[in-house]
């Protein structure tokens, strides 16, 4: 199961100097909230307004930018070798051919025509 965790700091609505740490864990495929915590007093049962603000922000980001996977979350695609077309099979069923040498090596005569006795 793929999980996505979001951690952030949310500013309190009544005071600028007070910040709350919010952590939300979502199911990667369905987006269902698996766990949500906040440092505020009203965070019993994970239903404070700070958690709701973060969920709305995540929803807004997904609507604006789509479901793009980060390059660091994907498999390496730049160091892969080319795909060879291979057909593995047992040695006794495979047939192999020998490369023939060129004719110029087979029919080469080192003696010049003027020294030929025939």
Protein backbone atom coordinates (compact mmCIF):
# COMPACT_ATOMS: atom_id res chain seq x y z
CA UNK A 1 0.00 0.00 0.00
CA UNK A 2 1.36 3.39 -1.01
CA UNK A 3 1.07 6.15 1.61
CA UNK A 4 1.57 9.88 1.17
CA UNK A 5 2.48 11.91 4.25
CA UNK A 6 2.14 15.69 4.47
CA UNK A 7 3.76 17.62 7.30
CA UNK A 8 3.40 21.36 7.68
CA UNK A 9 3.07 24.25 10.08
CA UNK A 10 -0.27 26.07 10.26
CA UNK A 11 -0.67 29.52 11.77
CA UNK A 12 -3.35 29.91 14.44
CA UNK A 13 -6.34 32.02 13.44
CA UNK A 14 -6.43 34.03 16.68
CA UNK A 15 -2.71 34.78 17.10
CA UNK A 16 0.13 35.37 14.65
CA UNK A 17 2.77 34.08 17.07
CA UNK A 18 1.18 30.62 17.57
CA UNK A 19 1.88 27.85 15.05
CA UNK A 20 0.63 24.25 15.04
CA UNK A 21 2.36 21.23 13.53
CA UNK A 22 0.00 19.22 11.34
CA UNK A 23 0.76 15.76 9.96
CA UNK A 24 -1.59 13.93 7.58
CA UNK A 25 -1.15 10.46 6.08
CA UNK A 26 -3.19 9.69 2.95
CA UNK A 27 -3.76 6.45 1.05
CA UNK A 28 -1.79 6.84 -2.17
CA UNK A 29 -4.43 5.47 -4.57
CA UNK A 30 -7.76 6.48 -3.05
CA UNK A 31 -6.75 9.63 -1.14
CA UNK A 32 -8.51 8.43 2.02
CA UNK A 33 -7.19 10.01 5.23
CA UNK A 34 -5.45 7.26 7.20
CA UNK A 35 -4.11 9.41 10.04
CA UNK A 36 -4.20 13.10 10.96
CA UNK A 37 -2.61 14.83 13.94
CA UNK A 38 -2.31 18.42 15.14
CA UNK A 39 -0.75 20.08 18.19
CA UNK A 40 -3.84 22.16 19.02
CA UNK A 41 -6.28 21.43 21.86
CA UNK A 42 -9.20 20.80 19.50
CA UNK A 43 -7.48 18.01 17.61
CA UNK A 44 -9.38 15.22 19.35
CA UNK A 45 -10.41 12.63 16.73
CA UNK A 46 -8.31 14.46 14.11
CA UNK A 47 -11.05 16.98 13.29
CA UNK A 48 -9.60 20.39 14.02
CA UNK A 49 -9.79 23.20 11.50
CA UNK A 50 -5.99 23.14 10.98
CA UNK A 51 -6.20 19.64 9.50
CA UNK A 52 -9.11 20.73 7.32
CA UNK A 53 -7.08 23.70 6.03
CA UNK A 54 -4.20 21.42 5.03
CA UNK A 55 -6.59 19.00 3.27
CA UNK A 56 -8.16 21.89 1.34
CA UNK A 57 -4.67 23.12 0.38
CA UNK A 58 -3.66 19.65 -0.86
CA UNK A 59 -6.88 19.41 -2.87
CA UNK A 60 -6.27 22.86 -4.37
CA UNK A 61 -2.71 21.96 -5.38
CA UNK A 62 -3.85 18.72 -7.03
CA UNK A 63 -6.60 20.53 -8.95
CA UNK A 64 -4.17 23.20 -10.19
CA UNK A 65 -1.15 21.03 -11.01
CA UNK A 66 -2.54 17.53 -11.54
CA UNK A 67 -1.21 14.18 -10.40
CA UNK A 68 2.44 14.45 -11.42
CA UNK A 69 4.90 12.02 -9.87
CA UNK A 70 8.18 13.57 -8.75
CA UNK A 71 11.25 12.46 -10.74
CA UNK A 72 12.86 11.23 -7.53
CA UNK A 73 9.92 8.88 -6.96
CA UNK A 74 10.25 7.10 -10.31
CA UNK A 75 12.68 4.43 -11.40
CA UNK A 76 15.91 5.50 -13.09
CA UNK A 77 15.27 5.74 -16.84
CA UNK A 78 18.45 7.43 -18.06
CA UNK A 79 21.01 4.67 -17.29
CA UNK A 80 19.13 1.79 -18.86
CA UNK A 81 20.78 -0.07 -21.70
CA UNK A 82 19.04 -0.75 -24.95
CA UNK A 83 16.70 -3.67 -25.06
CA UNK A 84 18.18 -6.62 -26.93
CA UNK A 85 15.82 -8.96 -28.70
CA UNK A 86 16.83 -12.27 -27.18
CA UNK A 87 15.14 -15.63 -27.35
CA UNK A 88 16.63 -17.81 -24.59
CA UNK A 89 16.38 -21.52 -25.23
CA UNK A 90 18.28 -24.72 -24.33
CA UNK A 91 21.60 -25.30 -26.16
CA UNK A 92 20.50 -28.55 -27.81
CA UNK A 93 17.57 -26.84 -29.57
CA UNK A 94 19.49 -23.81 -30.84
CA UNK A 95 21.21 -23.68 -34.23
CA UNK A 96 24.33 -21.65 -34.79
CA UNK A 97 25.96 -20.71 -38.08
CA UNK A 98 29.62 -20.05 -38.77
CA UNK A 99 30.62 -16.87 -40.53
CA UNK A 100 32.40 -17.55 -43.82
CA UNK A 101 35.67 -15.81 -44.57
CA UNK A 102 35.82 -13.59 -47.65
CA UNK A 103 36.83 -15.22 -50.95
CA UNK A 104 39.90 -13.02 -51.39
CA UNK A 105 41.64 -14.76 -48.50
CA UNK A 106 40.78 -18.26 -49.74
CA UNK A 107 41.88 -17.69 -53.37
CA UNK A 108 44.97 -15.58 -52.68
CA UNK A 109 48.11 -16.65 -54.62
CA UNK A 110 51.32 -15.13 -53.23
CA UNK A 111 53.34 -15.82 -56.43
CA UNK A 112 53.14 -13.18 -59.14
CA UNK A 113 51.91 -14.25 -62.58
CA UNK A 114 55.38 -13.93 -64.20
CA UNK A 115 56.92 -16.51 -61.82
CA UNK A 116 54.14 -19.00 -62.24
CA UNK A 117 55.57 -22.25 -63.82
CA UNK A 118 52.35 -23.69 -65.01
